[in-house]
Amino acid sequence: MPGPGASAQEWTFPNPRKTRRRPAPPPAPTRTTTPMSASAIKAEHLSIRKAWSSSPCCTSLRSLMASRAAALPAVKQAICLGLGTFDPPSSSSESRRRTHHQLIAFQTMVEELESMTRTRIQCIFQEPLFTDQETSFLTGLGHRVVEHPAACRAVTSDSLLFGIHLYREVYEEALDRALPAIFVGTDWDTWDGVSPGGVQAVRLMHETYQTFGFPQDGTTFSSTAVYWRPRPGRRAVGDHGGGEEHGDGPDKLGEHEGVVIDGV
C-alpha cells in the first residue's frame, strides 16, 4: 500500500488535503523491468515477516486481538482491499515493505481470529495493481484473488474488512451493503476533518462499535483504526470520546443486507 510519498500511479493512498471526489485511477505504468516471480515475492515476504514478527507493532496487534477474545463477533471471511503491489515498476523497496507489512498485519489478525474460533477463515484479496505473479503468490498461500468489484460486494456482517488508506469511493462501495464485524481502515476523525460528509458508514461504526487505534509502524498505518462490533447484549466501550458507552452495533447499514457473491 503506497504511503504519503507514493507516485501518482500507486492510487490507493488518499490525500487528506483534497476534499473533492477523485477521478478514476490512472492506468498502471508500462513496466520496463522483468516482473518478480511468485517465488521471489514469497522469499522476500518470509524475510520481512520474520523481522516484523518481533516488532512493537506486531506485538501490540496480537495483544489487542487477544484482549478482545471475550467480545469476539462472528467472523467467517476476511477481505483485504487495495493492498498495493509487491513489485512496483519503480522497484521502490520502501513501497514493497509497506505492502508486505500490511499483508502481514492482515494475516496476523486472521491467525488470531482463527486461533480464537478454531475455524479456518477464507481470505479474499482485491487489488487492480496485482501482476499475475503476485496473484500466484497469494493463491499459493491459500487465498483468493478477485477482480473489482467482487470483493467489495462480498462484504457481509460476519466479515473482517481490511483496507488501509483507500479512496473514499472504495470505502463507500465496500460498506454499502453491510457493516462488517471488524473494520480496519481510515478512522472517522480523519474523514470528519478533511472530507465533507465523510464516509457515513464509518461514522456509524465510530458511534456504535468499539474503536481502537491501530498499532503504529512508521506511516504504514497512520490515521488507521480498528472498529470492533460488540457482541449482542454487550455495550461498546471504545477509546474514542473518553471511553463513553454506545449502543449495540448494527449488523447492517440502512436496509442493505450482506451479500456473498457466488464464486468469490
C-alpha atoms as a PDB file:
ATOM      1  CA  MET A   1       0.000   0.000   0.000  1.00  0.00           C
ATOM      2  CA  PRO A   2       1.644   3.261  -1.048  1.00  0.00           C
ATOM      3  CA  GLY A   3       2.488   5.876   1.557  1.00  0.00           C
ATOM      4  CA  PRO A   4       2.442   9.658   1.544  1.00  0.00           C
ATOM      5  CA  GLY A   5       5.340   9.904  -0.924  1.00  0.00           C
ATOM      6  CA  ALA A   6       3.982   7.403  -3.434  1.00  0.00           C
ATOM      7  CA  SER A   7       3.792   8.107  -7.155  1.00  0.00           C
ATOM      8  CA  ALA A   8       0.555   9.033  -8.880  1.00  0.00           C
ATOM      9  CA  GLN A   9       0.223   5.524 -10.279  1.00  0.00           C
ATOM     10  CA  GLU A  10       0.023   3.946  -6.819  1.00  0.00           C
ATOM     11  CA  TRP A  11      -3.508   5.137  -6.407  1.00  0.00           C
ATOM     12  CA  THR A  12      -4.762   3.626  -3.172  1.00  0.00           C
ATOM     13  CA  PHE A  13      -3.387   6.263  -0.753  1.00  0.00           C
ATOM     14  CA  PRO A  14      -5.805   9.148  -0.060  1.00  0.00           C
ATOM     15  CA  ASN A  15      -4.530  12.713   0.065  1.00  0.00           C
ATOM     16  CA  PRO A  16      -6.329  14.318   3.042  1.00  0.00           C
ATOM     17  CA  ARG A  17      -5.733  17.848   1.740  1.00  0.00           C
ATOM     18  CA  LYS A  18      -8.254  17.367  -1.093  1.00  0.00           C
ATOM     19  CA  THR A  19     -11.946  17.075  -0.418  1.00  0.00           C
ATOM     20  CA  ARG A  20     -13.392  16.747  -3.915  1.00  0.00           C
ATOM     21  CA  ARG A  21     -14.178  13.362  -5.418  1.00  0.00           C
ATOM     22  CA  ARG A  22     -11.185  11.938  -7.161  1.00  0.00           C
ATOM     23  CA  PRO A  23     -11.118  10.818 -10.796  1.00  0.00           C
ATOM     24  CA  ALA A  24     -10.667   7.181 -11.741  1.00  0.00           C
ATOM     25  CA  PRO A  25      -7.137   5.926 -11.046  1.00  0.00           C
ATOM     26  CA  PRO A  26      -4.711   6.191 -13.972  1.00  0.00           C
ATOM     27  CA  PRO A  27      -3.690   3.030 -15.802  1.00  0.00           C
ATOM     28  CA  ALA A  28      -0.725   1.126 -14.440  1.00  0.00           C
ATOM     29  CA  PRO A  29       2.568   2.367 -15.924  1.00  0.00           C
ATOM     30  CA  THR A  30       4.386   0.362 -18.536  1.00  0.00           C
ATOM     31  CA  ARG A  31       6.912  -1.907 -16.857  1.00  0.00           C
ATOM     32  CA  THR A  32      10.496  -1.700 -18.089  1.00  0.00           C
ATOM     33  CA  THR A  33      11.884  -4.442 -15.839  1.00  0.00           C
ATOM     34  CA  THR A  34      11.129  -8.147 -15.574  1.00  0.00           C
ATOM     35  CA  PRO A  35       8.362  -8.793 -13.016  1.00  0.00           C
ATOM     36  CA  MET A  36       9.373 -10.557  -9.809  1.00  0.00           C
ATOM     37  CA  SER A  37       8.487 -14.237  -9.792  1.00  0.00           C
ATOM     38  CA  ALA A  38       5.997 -15.617  -7.291  1.00  0.00           C
ATOM     39  CA  SER A  39       8.835 -17.481  -5.578  1.00  0.00           C
ATOM     40  CA  ALA A  40      10.916 -14.282  -5.274  1.00  0.00           C
ATOM     41  CA  ILE A  41       7.951 -12.407  -3.776  1.00  0.00           C
ATOM     42  CA  LYS A  42       7.417 -15.247  -1.297  1.00  0.00           C
ATOM     43  CA  ALA A  43      11.078 -15.278  -0.297  1.00  0.00           C
ATOM     44  CA  GLU A  44      11.038 -11.533   0.346  1.00  0.00           C
ATOM     45  CA  HIS A  45       7.760 -11.862   2.234  1.00  0.00           C
ATOM     46  CA  LEU A  46       9.111 -14.558   4.556  1.00  0.00           C
ATOM     47  CA  SER A  47      12.208 -12.478   5.270  1.00  0.00           C
ATOM     48  CA  ILE A  48      10.178  -9.350   6.081  1.00  0.00           C
ATOM     49  CA  ARG A  49       7.663 -11.343   8.116  1.00  0.00           C
ATOM     50  CA  LYS A  50      10.422 -12.860  10.241  1.00  0.00           C
ATOM     51  CA  ALA A  51      11.774  -9.392  11.059  1.00  0.00           C
ATOM     52  CA  TRP A  52       8.318  -7.868  11.638  1.00  0.00           C
ATOM     53  CA  SER A  53       7.159 -10.676  13.951  1.00  0.00           C
ATOM     54  CA  SER A  54       9.246  -9.261  16.799  1.00  0.00           C
ATOM     55  CA  SER A  55       8.376  -5.612  16.143  1.00  0.00           C
ATOM     56  CA  PRO A  56       6.395  -3.489  18.638  1.00  0.00           C
ATOM     57  CA  CYS A  57       3.624  -3.134  16.034  1.00  0.00           C
ATOM     58  CA  CYS A  58       3.172  -6.894  15.707  1.00  0.00           C
ATOM     59  CA  THR A  59       3.345  -7.451  19.467  1.00  0.00           C
ATOM     60  CA  SER A  60       0.770  -4.720  20.111  1.00  0.00           C
ATOM     61  CA  LEU A  61      -1.546  -6.031  17.385  1.00  0.00           C
ATOM     62  CA  ARG A  62      -1.509  -9.555  18.812  1.00  0.00           C
ATOM     63  CA  SER A  63      -2.136  -8.154  22.297  1.00  0.00           C
ATOM     64  CA  LEU A  64      -5.064  -6.103  21.025  1.00  0.00           C
ATOM     65  CA  MET A  65      -6.624  -9.141  19.356  1.00  0.00           C
ATOM     66  CA  ALA A  66      -6.104 -11.303  22.449  1.00  0.00           C
ATOM     67  CA  SER A  67      -7.681  -8.656  24.687  1.00  0.00           C
ATOM     68  CA  ARG A  68     -10.867  -8.753  22.612  1.00  0.00           C
ATOM     69  CA  ALA A  69     -11.321 -12.544  22.686  1.00  0.00           C
ATOM     70  CA  ALA A  70     -14.244 -12.353  25.126  1.00  0.00           C
ATOM     71  CA  ALA A  71     -16.058  -9.893  22.863  1.00  0.00           C
ATOM     72  CA  LEU A  72     -15.329 -11.693  19.594  1.00  0.00           C
ATOM     73  CA  PRO A  73     -18.006 -11.188  16.925  1.00  0.00           C
ATOM     74  CA  ALA A  74     -18.629 -13.932  14.391  1.00  0.00           C
ATOM     75  CA  VAL A  75     -16.102 -13.700  11.528  1.00  0.00           C
ATOM     76  CA  LYS A  76     -16.362 -16.130   8.612  1.00  0.00           C
ATOM     77  CA  GLN A  77     -14.309 -14.374   5.944  1.00  0.00           C
ATOM     78  CA  ALA A  78     -11.580 -11.752   5.740  1.00  0.00           C
ATOM     79  CA  ILE A  79     -11.478  -9.261   2.868  1.00  0.00           C
ATOM     80  CA  CYS A  80      -8.411  -7.180   2.037  1.00  0.00           C
ATOM     81  CA  LEU A  81      -8.831  -4.256  -0.362  1.00  0.00           C
ATOM     82  CA  GLY A  82      -6.181  -2.098  -2.039  1.00  0.00           C
ATOM     83  CA  LEU A  83      -3.152  -3.818  -0.558  1.00  0.00           C
ATOM     84  CA  GLY A  84      -0.814  -2.321  -3.148  1.00  0.00           C
ATOM     85  CA  THR A  85       1.813  -4.069  -5.224  1.00  0.00           C
ATOM     86  CA  PHE A  86       4.679  -6.234  -4.018  1.00  0.00           C
ATOM     87  CA  ASP A  87       6.549  -5.375  -7.209  1.00  0.00           C
ATOM     88  CA  PRO A  88       6.139  -1.673  -8.125  1.00  0.00           C
ATOM     89  CA  PRO A  89       7.518  -0.560 -11.527  1.00  0.00           C
ATOM     90  CA  SER A  90       9.745   1.878  -9.646  1.00  0.00           C
ATOM     91  CA  SER A  91      11.300  -1.064  -7.739  1.00  0.00           C
ATOM     92  CA  SER A  92      10.889   1.007  -4.571  1.00  0.00           C
ATOM     93  CA  SER A  93      11.980  -1.079  -1.585  1.00  0.00           C
ATOM     94  CA  GLU A  94      10.002   1.187   0.781  1.00  0.00           C
ATOM     95  CA  SER A  95       6.809   0.672  -1.216  1.00  0.00           C
ATOM     96  CA  ARG A  96       7.338  -3.095  -1.211  1.00  0.00           C
ATOM     97  CA  ARG A  97       7.995  -3.047   2.526  1.00  0.00           C
ATOM     98  CA  ARG A  98       4.732  -1.215   3.238  1.00  0.00           C
ATOM     99  CA  THR A  99       2.755  -3.698   1.155  1.00  0.00           C
ATOM    100  CA  HIS A 100       4.333  -6.661   2.909  1.00  0.00           C
ATOM    101  CA  HIS A 101       3.751  -5.100   6.337  1.00  0.00           C
ATOM    102  CA  GLN A 102       0.076  -4.577   5.532  1.00  0.00           C
ATOM    103  CA  LEU A 103      -0.257  -8.174   4.348  1.00  0.00           C
ATOM    104  CA  ILE A 104       1.476  -9.469   7.472  1.00  0.00           C
ATOM    105  CA  ALA A 105      -0.765  -7.364   9.716  1.00  0.00           C
ATOM    106  CA  PHE A 106      -3.825  -8.711   7.898  1.00  0.00           C
ATOM    107  CA  GLN A 107      -2.509 -12.282   8.208  1.00  0.00           C
ATOM    108  CA  THR A 108      -1.794 -11.726  11.906  1.00  0.00           C
ATOM    109  CA  MET A 109      -5.360 -10.623  12.583  1.00  0.00           C
ATOM    110  CA  VAL A 110      -6.744 -13.604  10.680  1.00  0.00           C
ATOM    111  CA  GLU A 111      -4.440 -16.013  12.510  1.00  0.00           C
ATOM    112  CA  GLU A 112      -5.535 -14.648  15.878  1.00  0.00           C
ATOM    113  CA  LEU A 113      -9.212 -14.914  14.918  1.00  0.00           C
ATOM    114  CA  GLU A 114      -8.727 -18.485  13.689  1.00  0.00           C
ATOM    115  CA  SER A 115      -6.961 -19.382  16.929  1.00  0.00           C
ATOM    116  CA  MET A 116      -9.819 -17.952  18.978  1.00  0.00           C
ATOM    117  CA  THR A 117     -12.589 -19.636  16.990  1.00  0.00           C
ATOM    118  CA  ARG A 118     -10.701 -22.783  15.926  1.00  0.00           C
ATOM    119  CA  THR A 119     -12.117 -22.374  12.436  1.00  0.00           C
ATOM    120  CA  ARG A 120     -10.488 -21.508   9.126  1.00  0.00           C
ATOM    121  CA  ILE A 121     -11.310 -18.076   7.718  1.00  0.00           C
ATOM    122  CA  GLN A 122     -11.344 -17.556   3.962  1.00  0.00           C
ATOM    123  CA  CYS A 123      -9.217 -14.623   2.787  1.00  0.00           C
ATOM    124  CA  ILE A 124     -10.163 -12.619  -0.305  1.00  0.00           C
ATOM    125  CA  PHE A 125      -7.936 -10.007  -1.959  1.00  0.00           C
ATOM    126  CA  GLN A 126      -8.801  -7.278  -4.468  1.00  0.00           C
ATOM    127  CA  GLU A 127      -6.074  -5.036  -5.903  1.00  0.00           C
ATOM    128  CA  PRO A 128      -6.041  -3.774  -9.520  1.00  0.00           C
ATOM    129  CA  LEU A 129      -2.241  -3.426  -9.498  1.00  0.00           C
ATOM    130  CA  PHE A 130      -1.516  -7.119  -8.917  1.00  0.00           C
ATOM    131  CA  THR A 131       0.583  -8.832 -11.569  1.00  0.00           C
ATOM    132  CA  ASP A 132      -0.032 -12.473 -12.479  1.00  0.00           C
ATOM    133  CA  GLN A 133       2.972 -13.369 -10.347  1.00  0.00           C
ATOM    134  CA  GLU A 134       1.557 -11.527  -7.318  1.00  0.00           C
ATOM    135  CA  THR A 135      -1.745 -13.327  -7.771  1.00  0.00           C
ATOM    136  CA  SER A 136       0.113 -16.642  -7.919  1.00  0.00           C
ATOM    137  CA  PHE A 137       1.964 -15.750  -4.715  1.00  0.00           C
ATOM    138  CA  LEU A 138      -1.275 -15.091  -2.825  1.00  0.00           C
ATOM    139  CA  THR A 139      -3.158 -18.078  -4.207  1.00  0.00           C
ATOM    140  CA  GLY A 140      -0.138 -20.185  -3.296  1.00  0.00           C
ATOM    141  CA  LEU A 141      -0.753 -19.133   0.312  1.00  0.00           C
ATOM    142  CA  GLY A 142      -4.302 -20.474   0.022  1.00  0.00           C
ATOM    143  CA  HIS A 143      -6.008 -17.113  -0.548  1.00  0.00           C
ATOM    144  CA  ARG A 144      -8.414 -15.981  -3.272  1.00  0.00           C
ATOM    145  CA  VAL A 145      -7.783 -13.024  -5.566  1.00  0.00           C
ATOM    146  CA  VAL A 146     -10.749 -11.431  -7.330  1.00  0.00           C
ATOM    147  CA  GLU A 147     -11.367  -8.536  -9.692  1.00  0.00           C
ATOM    148  CA  HIS A 148     -13.135  -5.327  -8.687  1.00  0.00           C
ATOM    149  CA  PRO A 149     -15.894  -5.074  -7.515  1.00  0.00           C
ATOM    150  CA  ALA A 150     -16.317  -8.708  -6.402  1.00  0.00           C
ATOM    151  CA  ALA A 151     -14.617  -8.284  -3.021  1.00  0.00           C
ATOM    152  CA  CYS A 152     -16.493  -5.062  -2.254  1.00  0.00           C
ATOM    153  CA  ARG A 153     -19.758  -6.855  -2.944  1.00  0.00           C
ATOM    154  CA  ALA A 154     -18.757  -9.821  -0.778  1.00  0.00           C
ATOM    155  CA  VAL A 155     -18.658  -7.817   2.489  1.00  0.00           C
ATOM    156  CA  THR A 156     -21.186  -9.161   4.993  1.00  0.00           C
ATOM    157  CA  SER A 157     -21.942  -8.643   8.668  1.00  0.00           C
ATOM    158  CA  ASP A 158     -19.624 -11.554   9.518  1.00  0.00           C
ATOM    159  CA  SER A 159     -16.602 -10.213   7.601  1.00  0.00           C
ATOM    160  CA  LEU A 160     -13.295  -8.715   8.630  1.00  0.00           C
ATOM    161  CA  LEU A 161     -12.780  -5.823   6.201  1.00  0.00           C
ATOM    162  CA  PHE A 162      -9.185  -4.578   5.951  1.00  0.00           C
ATOM    163  CA  GLY A 163      -8.343  -1.595   3.741  1.00  0.00           C
ATOM    164  CA  ILE A 164      -5.569   0.874   4.546  1.00  0.00           C
ATOM    165  CA  HIS A 165      -5.534   4.434   3.098  1.00  0.00           C
ATOM    166  CA  LEU A 166      -8.138   3.803   0.422  1.00  0.00           C
ATOM    167  CA  TYR A 167     -10.131   6.319  -1.578  1.00  0.00           C
ATOM    168  CA  ARG A 168     -13.425   7.415  -0.074  1.00  0.00           C
ATOM    169  CA  GLU A 169     -15.306   5.863  -3.002  1.00  0.00           C
ATOM    170  CA  VAL A 170     -13.783   2.439  -2.334  1.00  0.00           C
ATOM    171  CA  TYR A 171     -14.806   2.519   1.324  1.00  0.00           C
ATOM    172  CA  GLU A 172     -18.309   3.628   0.390  1.00  0.00           C
ATOM    173  CA  GLU A 173     -18.683   0.832  -2.142  1.00  0.00           C
ATOM    174  CA  ALA A 174     -17.376  -1.829   0.243  1.00  0.00           C
ATOM    175  CA  LEU A 175     -19.569  -0.659   3.136  1.00  0.00           C
ATOM    176  CA  ASP A 176     -22.721  -0.074   1.094  1.00  0.00           C
ATOM    177  CA  ARG A 177     -24.368  -3.441   1.690  1.00  0.00           C
ATOM    178  CA  ALA A 178     -23.416  -4.314   5.256  1.00  0.00           C
ATOM    179  CA  LEU A 179     -21.277  -3.191   8.167  1.00  0.00           C
ATOM    180  CA  PRO A 180     -18.584  -5.818   8.821  1.00  0.00           C
ATOM    181  CA  ALA A 181     -17.918  -7.479  12.159  1.00  0.00           C
ATOM    182  CA  ILE A 182     -14.468  -5.872  12.228  1.00  0.00           C
ATOM    183  CA  PHE A 183     -13.293  -2.968  10.084  1.00  0.00           C
ATOM    184  CA  VAL A 184      -9.688  -1.777   9.738  1.00  0.00           C
ATOM    185  CA  GLY A 185      -9.265   1.440   7.775  1.00  0.00           C
ATOM    186  CA  THR A 186      -9.060   5.234   7.894  1.00  0.00           C
ATOM    187  CA  ASP A 187     -10.691   6.428  11.115  1.00  0.00           C
ATOM    188  CA  TRP A 188     -13.732   8.704  11.346  1.00  0.00           C
ATOM    189  CA  ASP A 189     -11.794  11.582  12.907  1.00  0.00           C
ATOM    190  CA  THR A 190      -9.671  11.810   9.761  1.00  0.00           C
ATOM    191  CA  TRP A 191     -12.642  11.727   7.394  1.00  0.00           C
ATOM    192  CA  ASP A 192     -14.612  14.174   9.508  1.00  0.00           C
ATOM    193  CA  GLY A 193     -11.750  16.651   9.373  1.00  0.00           C
ATOM    194  CA  VAL A 194     -10.948  16.544   5.655  1.00  0.00           C
ATOM    195  CA  SER A 195     -13.991  15.379   3.664  1.00  0.00           C
ATOM    196  CA  PRO A 196     -17.456  16.995   3.746  1.00  0.00           C
ATOM    197  CA  GLY A 197     -19.847  14.324   4.920  1.00  0.00           C
ATOM    198  CA  GLY A 198     -17.039  11.812   5.360  1.00  0.00           C
ATOM    199  CA  VAL A 199     -17.846   8.137   4.897  1.00  0.00           C
ATOM    200  CA  GLN A 200     -21.158   7.754   6.701  1.00  0.00           C
ATOM    201  CA  ALA A 201     -20.751   4.031   7.296  1.00  0.00           C
ATOM    202  CA  VAL A 202     -17.504   4.769   9.136  1.00  0.00           C
ATOM    203  CA  ARG A 203     -19.307   7.437  11.175  1.00  0.00           C
ATOM    204  CA  LEU A 204     -21.961   4.885  12.154  1.00  0.00           C
ATOM    205  CA  MET A 205     -19.310   2.370  13.229  1.00  0.00           C
ATOM    206  CA  HIS A 206     -17.471   5.102  15.115  1.00  0.00           C
ATOM    207  CA  GLU A 207     -20.656   5.769  17.084  1.00  0.00           C
ATOM    208  CA  THR A 208     -21.691   2.159  17.726  1.00  0.00           C
ATOM    209  CA  TYR A 209     -18.571  -0.032  17.614  1.00  0.00           C
ATOM    210  CA  GLN A 210     -15.623  -0.302  19.945  1.00  0.00           C
ATOM    211  CA  THR A 211     -12.761   1.697  18.443  1.00  0.00           C
ATOM    212  CA  PHE A 212      -9.031   1.172  18.842  1.00  0.00           C
ATOM    213  CA  GLY A 213      -6.100   2.928  17.254  1.00  0.00           C
ATOM    214  CA  PHE A 214      -4.139   0.567  15.022  1.00  0.00           C
ATOM    215  CA  PRO A 215      -0.601  -0.076  16.345  1.00  0.00           C
ATOM    216  CA  GLN A 216       1.816   2.201  14.520  1.00  0.00           C
ATOM    217  CA  ASP A 217       4.598   1.228  12.131  1.00  0.00           C
ATOM    218  CA  GLY A 218       6.014   4.452  10.693  1.00  0.00           C
ATOM    219  CA  THR A 219       3.410   5.857   8.287  1.00  0.00           C
ATOM    220  CA  THR A 220       2.107   2.463   7.139  1.00  0.00           C
ATOM    221  CA  PHE A 221      -0.921   2.542   9.450  1.00  0.00           C
ATOM    222  CA  SER A 222      -1.239   6.276  10.091  1.00  0.00           C
ATOM    223  CA  SER A 223      -4.815   7.505  10.733  1.00  0.00           C
ATOM    224  CA  THR A 224      -5.954   3.865  10.889  1.00  0.00           C
ATOM    225  CA  ALA A 225      -8.378   2.428  13.426  1.00  0.00           C
ATOM    226  CA  VAL A 226      -9.857  -0.953  14.297  1.00  0.00           C
ATOM    227  CA  TYR A 227     -13.661  -0.870  14.605  1.00  0.00           C
ATOM    228  CA  TRP A 228     -14.921  -3.909  16.524  1.00  0.00           C
ATOM    229  CA  ARG A 229     -18.644  -4.673  16.642  1.00  0.00           C
ATOM    230  CA  PRO A 230     -19.784  -5.625  20.148  1.00  0.00           C
ATOM    231  CA  ARG A 231     -21.476  -8.958  20.617  1.00  0.00           C
ATOM    232  CA  PRO A 232     -25.257  -8.901  21.179  1.00  0.00           C
ATOM    233  CA  GLY A 233     -26.066  -7.893  24.724  1.00  0.00           C
ATOM    234  CA  ARG A 234     -22.757  -6.090  25.257  1.00  0.00           C
ATOM    235  CA  ARG A 235     -22.105  -2.380  25.303  1.00  0.00           C
ATOM    236  CA  ALA A 236     -19.498  -0.841  23.039  1.00  0.00           C
ATOM    237  CA  VAL A 237     -16.792   0.919  25.002  1.00  0.00           C
ATOM    238  CA  GLY A 238     -14.129   2.316  22.674  1.00  0.00           C
ATOM    239  CA  ASP A 239     -11.136   4.531  23.194  1.00  0.00           C
ATOM    240  CA  HIS A 240     -12.709   7.456  21.323  1.00  0.00           C
ATOM    241  CA  GLY A 241     -14.609  10.154  23.143  1.00  0.00           C
ATOM    242  CA  GLY A 242     -13.059   9.340  26.508  1.00  0.00           C
ATOM    243  CA  GLY A 243     -14.356   5.766  26.540  1.00  0.00           C
ATOM    244  CA  GLU A 244     -18.059   6.574  26.701  1.00  0.00           C
ATOM    245  CA  GLU A 245     -20.627   3.868  26.166  1.00  0.00           C
ATOM    246  CA  HIS A 246     -22.575   3.402  22.977  1.00  0.00           C
ATOM    247  CA  GLY A 247     -25.437   1.190  21.960  1.00  0.00           C
ATOM    248  CA  ASP A 248     -25.053  -2.243  20.401  1.00  0.00           C
ATOM    249  CA  GLY A 249     -23.618  -2.014  16.893  1.00  0.00           C
ATOM    250  CA  PRO A 250     -25.949  -2.665  13.966  1.00  0.00           C
ATOM    251  CA  ASP A 251     -25.335  -5.563  11.598  1.00  0.00           C
ATOM    252  CA  LYS A 252     -26.278  -3.620   8.503  1.00  0.00           C
ATOM    253  CA  LEU A 253     -26.363  -0.121   7.108  1.00  0.00           C
ATOM    254  CA  GLY A 254     -29.838   1.179   6.394  1.00  0.00           C
ATOM    255  CA  GLU A 255     -31.855  -1.570   4.733  1.00  0.00           C
ATOM    256  CA  HIS A 256     -28.946  -3.197   2.873  1.00  0.00           C
ATOM    257  CA  GLU A 257     -28.109  -6.745   3.839  1.00  0.00           C
ATOM    258  CA  GLY A 258     -24.791  -8.528   3.435  1.00  0.00           C
ATOM    259  CA  VAL A 259     -24.377 -10.366   0.150  1.00  0.00           C
ATOM    260  CA  VAL A 260     -21.963 -13.152  -0.699  1.00  0.00           C
ATOM    261  CA  ILE A 261     -21.091 -13.325  -4.383  1.00  0.00           C
ATOM    262  CA  ASP A 262     -21.129 -16.819  -5.853  1.00  0.00           C
ATOM    263  CA  GLY A 263     -17.688 -17.847  -6.977  1.00  0.00           C
ATOM    264  CA  VAL A 264     -15.877 -15.278  -4.843  1.00  0.00           C
END
